Amino acid sequence: MPLYHFDLVNWKAVVDAGGADLADDIEAMNSADMIARSLLKRLPDLKNRHYAVLVTNEEGDEVCRLPLDVVHH
């Protein structure tokens, strides 16, 4: 299984949210959505401040960038 890495970012990495072995990019994007919803539930101030959950694969390539501003929790 490929390793995916998750970070909370704005114009730079803010928080390293760790990594996970997942089946594919779709599962990684679903995990990013769950992470974003959890972050907004705990830290609602992050909304409308240009934060995103950045997902990269084990080669360091960007898989997706999920802006917290578009997530409904």
N, C-alpha and C. Protein backbone atom coordinates (compact mmCIF):
# COMPACT_ATOMS: atom_id res chain seq x y z
N MET A 1 0.84 -1.19 0.00
CA MET A 1 0.00 0.00 0.00
C MET A 1 0.88 1.24 0.00
N PRO A 2 0.48 2.23 -0.79
CA PRO A 2 1.26 3.48 -0.82
C PRO A 2 1.12 4.27 0.49
N LEU A 3 2.14 5.01 0.82
CA LEU A 3 2.14 5.87 2.00
C LEU A 3 1.74 7.28 1.56
N TYR A 4 0.78 7.87 2.25
CA TYR A 4 0.35 9.25 2.00
C TYR A 4 0.65 10.08 3.23
N HIS A 5 0.96 11.36 2.99
CA HIS A 5 1.31 12.27 4.08
C HIS A 5 0.31 13.42 4.08
N PHE A 6 -0.09 13.88 5.28
CA PHE A 6 -1.09 14.92 5.44
C PHE A 6 -0.50 16.08 6.24
N ASP A 7 -0.69 17.32 5.73
CA ASP A 7 -0.23 18.53 6.41
C ASP A 7 -1.34 19.57 6.39
N LEU A 8 -1.43 20.35 7.46
CA LEU A 8 -2.27 21.54 7.46
C LEU A 8 -1.38 22.67 6.97
N VAL A 9 -1.80 23.35 5.91
CA VAL A 9 -0.96 24.38 5.31
C VAL A 9 -1.77 25.66 5.07
N ASN A 10 -1.06 26.78 4.99
CA ASN A 10 -1.60 27.98 4.38
C ASN A 10 -0.59 28.32 3.29
N TRP A 11 0.29 29.24 3.44
CA TRP A 11 1.32 29.44 2.42
C TRP A 11 2.58 28.62 2.72
N LYS A 12 2.59 27.95 3.89
CA LYS A 12 3.67 27.06 4.28
C LYS A 12 3.08 25.96 5.16
N ALA A 13 3.82 24.92 5.40
CA ALA A 13 3.32 23.86 6.28
C ALA A 13 3.17 24.41 7.69
N VAL A 14 2.04 24.15 8.31
CA VAL A 14 1.77 24.63 9.66
C VAL A 14 1.82 23.48 10.65
N VAL A 15 1.11 22.40 10.33
CA VAL A 15 1.03 21.24 11.22
C VAL A 15 1.21 19.98 10.39
N ASP A 16 2.12 19.13 10.84
CA ASP A 16 2.30 17.83 10.23
C ASP A 16 1.27 16.90 10.85
N ALA A 17 0.31 16.46 10.05
CA ALA A 17 -0.76 15.60 10.58
C ALA A 17 -0.42 14.13 10.46
N GLY A 18 0.78 13.81 10.03
CA GLY A 18 1.20 12.42 9.98
C GLY A 18 0.97 11.78 8.62
N GLY A 19 1.15 10.47 8.61
CA GLY A 19 1.01 9.72 7.37
C GLY A 19 0.17 8.49 7.58
N ALA A 20 -0.21 7.88 6.46
CA ALA A 20 -1.03 6.67 6.53
C ALA A 20 -0.80 5.83 5.28
N ASP A 21 -0.77 4.52 5.46
CA ASP A 21 -0.74 3.60 4.33
C ASP A 21 -2.18 3.41 3.88
N LEU A 22 -2.48 3.82 2.65
CA LEU A 22 -3.84 3.74 2.12
C LEU A 22 -3.84 3.06 0.76
N ALA A 23 -4.99 2.58 0.35
CA ALA A 23 -5.10 1.80 -0.89
C ALA A 23 -4.79 2.63 -2.13
N ASP A 24 -5.29 3.88 -2.18
CA ASP A 24 -5.12 4.67 -3.41
C ASP A 24 -5.39 6.15 -3.12
N ASP A 25 -5.29 6.96 -4.19
CA ASP A 25 -5.48 8.41 -4.06
C ASP A 25 -6.89 8.75 -3.57
N ILE A 26 -7.90 8.01 -4.01
CA ILE A 26 -9.27 8.28 -3.60
C ILE A 26 -9.42 8.12 -2.09
N GLU A 27 -8.85 7.06 -1.55
CA GLU A 27 -8.91 6.85 -0.10
C GLU A 27 -8.15 7.96 0.63
N ALA A 28 -7.04 8.43 0.06
CA ALA A 28 -6.29 9.53 0.65
C ALA A 28 -7.11 10.81 0.66
N MET A 29 -7.85 11.08 -0.43
CA MET A 29 -8.71 12.27 -0.49
C MET A 29 -9.84 12.17 0.52
N ASN A 30 -10.41 10.99 0.68
CA ASN A 30 -11.46 10.79 1.69
C ASN A 30 -10.91 11.02 3.09
N SER A 31 -9.68 10.58 3.33
CA SER A 31 -9.04 10.80 4.64
C SER A 31 -8.80 12.29 4.87
N ALA A 32 -8.41 13.01 3.82
CA ALA A 32 -8.21 14.46 3.93
C ALA A 32 -9.51 15.14 4.32
N ASP A 33 -10.63 14.69 3.75
CA ASP A 33 -11.93 15.26 4.09
C ASP A 33 -12.26 15.01 5.56
N MET A 34 -12.00 13.80 6.05
CA MET A 34 -12.27 13.49 7.46
C MET A 34 -11.37 14.32 8.38
N ILE A 35 -10.11 14.49 8.00
CA ILE A 35 -9.18 15.31 8.80
C ILE A 35 -9.67 16.76 8.83
N ALA A 36 -10.07 17.29 7.67
CA ALA A 36 -10.54 18.67 7.60
C ALA A 36 -11.78 18.88 8.47
N ARG A 37 -12.73 17.96 8.41
CA ARG A 37 -13.94 18.08 9.22
C ARG A 37 -13.61 18.03 10.72
N SER A 38 -12.70 17.15 11.09
CA SER A 38 -12.29 17.03 12.48
C SER A 38 -11.60 18.31 12.96
N LEU A 39 -10.72 18.86 12.12
CA LEU A 39 -10.03 20.11 12.48
C LEU A 39 -11.02 21.24 12.69
N LEU A 40 -11.99 21.37 11.78
CA LEU A 40 -12.95 22.46 11.88
C LEU A 40 -13.88 22.30 13.08
N LYS A 41 -14.15 21.06 13.44
CA LYS A 41 -14.99 20.83 14.62
C LYS A 41 -14.26 21.30 15.88
N ARG A 42 -12.95 20.98 15.95
CA ARG A 42 -12.16 21.35 17.13
C ARG A 42 -11.68 22.79 17.09
N LEU A 43 -11.38 23.29 15.88
CA LEU A 43 -10.80 24.63 15.73
C LEU A 43 -11.55 25.42 14.66
N PRO A 44 -12.77 25.86 14.95
CA PRO A 44 -13.57 26.55 13.93
C PRO A 44 -12.93 27.84 13.42
N ASP A 45 -11.98 28.42 14.17
CA ASP A 45 -11.29 29.65 13.73
C ASP A 45 -10.50 29.44 12.44
N LEU A 46 -10.20 28.19 12.09
CA LEU A 46 -9.42 27.93 10.88
C LEU A 46 -10.21 28.25 9.60
N LYS A 47 -11.53 28.29 9.70
CA LYS A 47 -12.38 28.58 8.54
C LYS A 47 -12.13 30.01 8.08
N ASN A 48 -12.15 30.21 6.78
CA ASN A 48 -11.97 31.54 6.15
C ASN A 48 -10.61 32.17 6.44
N ARG A 49 -9.61 31.34 6.65
CA ARG A 49 -8.25 31.86 6.89
C ARG A 49 -7.25 31.23 5.93
N HIS A 50 -7.75 30.67 4.83
CA HIS A 50 -6.91 30.14 3.74
C HIS A 50 -6.07 28.93 4.13
N TYR A 51 -6.58 28.11 5.04
CA TYR A 51 -5.91 26.86 5.39
C TYR A 51 -6.42 25.74 4.49
N ALA A 52 -5.59 24.73 4.33
CA ALA A 52 -5.96 23.55 3.53
C ALA A 52 -5.26 22.33 4.09
N VAL A 53 -5.85 21.17 3.84
CA VAL A 53 -5.18 19.91 4.13
C VAL A 53 -4.49 19.49 2.84
N LEU A 54 -3.18 19.38 2.89
CA LEU A 54 -2.37 18.99 1.74
C LEU A 54 -2.04 17.51 1.86
N VAL A 55 -2.32 16.76 0.79
CA VAL A 55 -2.02 15.34 0.75
C VAL A 55 -0.93 15.12 -0.29
N THR A 56 0.15 14.46 0.12
CA THR A 56 1.23 14.11 -0.81
C THR A 56 1.45 12.60 -0.74
N ASN A 57 1.97 12.07 -1.84
CA ASN A 57 2.28 10.63 -1.85
C ASN A 57 3.70 10.41 -1.37
N GLU A 58 4.13 9.15 -1.37
CA GLU A 58 5.46 8.84 -0.81
C GLU A 58 6.60 9.43 -1.63
N GLU A 59 6.34 9.83 -2.88
CA GLU A 59 7.36 10.49 -3.69
C GLU A 59 7.38 12.01 -3.45
N GLY A 60 6.41 12.50 -2.66
CA GLY A 60 6.33 13.93 -2.38
C GLY A 60 5.46 14.69 -3.36
N ASP A 61 4.81 13.98 -4.30
CA ASP A 61 3.93 14.63 -5.26
C ASP A 61 2.59 14.97 -4.60
N GLU A 62 2.05 16.14 -4.94
CA GLU A 62 0.75 16.54 -4.39
C GLU A 62 -0.36 15.69 -4.99
N VAL A 63 -1.18 15.10 -4.13
CA VAL A 63 -2.34 14.32 -4.55
C VAL A 63 -3.57 15.22 -4.56
N CYS A 64 -3.74 16.00 -3.50
CA CYS A 64 -4.83 16.98 -3.45
C CYS A 64 -4.53 18.01 -2.37
N ARG A 65 -5.25 19.12 -2.49
CA ARG A 65 -5.18 20.20 -1.51
C ARG A 65 -6.63 20.57 -1.24
N LEU A 66 -7.11 20.25 -0.04
CA LEU A 66 -8.52 20.47 0.31
C LEU A 66 -8.63 21.73 1.17
N PRO A 67 -9.11 22.84 0.59
CA PRO A 67 -9.27 24.08 1.37
C PRO A 67 -10.32 23.90 2.46
N LEU A 68 -10.00 24.32 3.67
CA LEU A 68 -10.96 24.21 4.77
C LEU A 68 -12.17 25.12 4.54
N ASP A 69 -11.99 26.16 3.74
CA ASP A 69 -13.09 27.08 3.47
C ASP A 69 -14.24 26.44 2.73
N VAL A 70 -14.02 25.33 2.03
CA VAL A 70 -15.09 24.67 1.26
C VAL A 70 -15.69 23.47 1.97
N VAL A 71 -15.16 23.13 3.14
CA VAL A 71 -15.62 21.95 3.88
C VAL A 71 -16.78 22.34 4.78
N HIS A 72 -17.84 21.55 4.72
CA HIS A 72 -18.99 21.75 5.60
C HIS A 72 -18.91 20.70 6.70
N HIS A 73 -18.93 21.15 7.96
CA HIS A 73 -18.83 20.20 9.07
C HIS A 73 -20.09 20.13 9.86
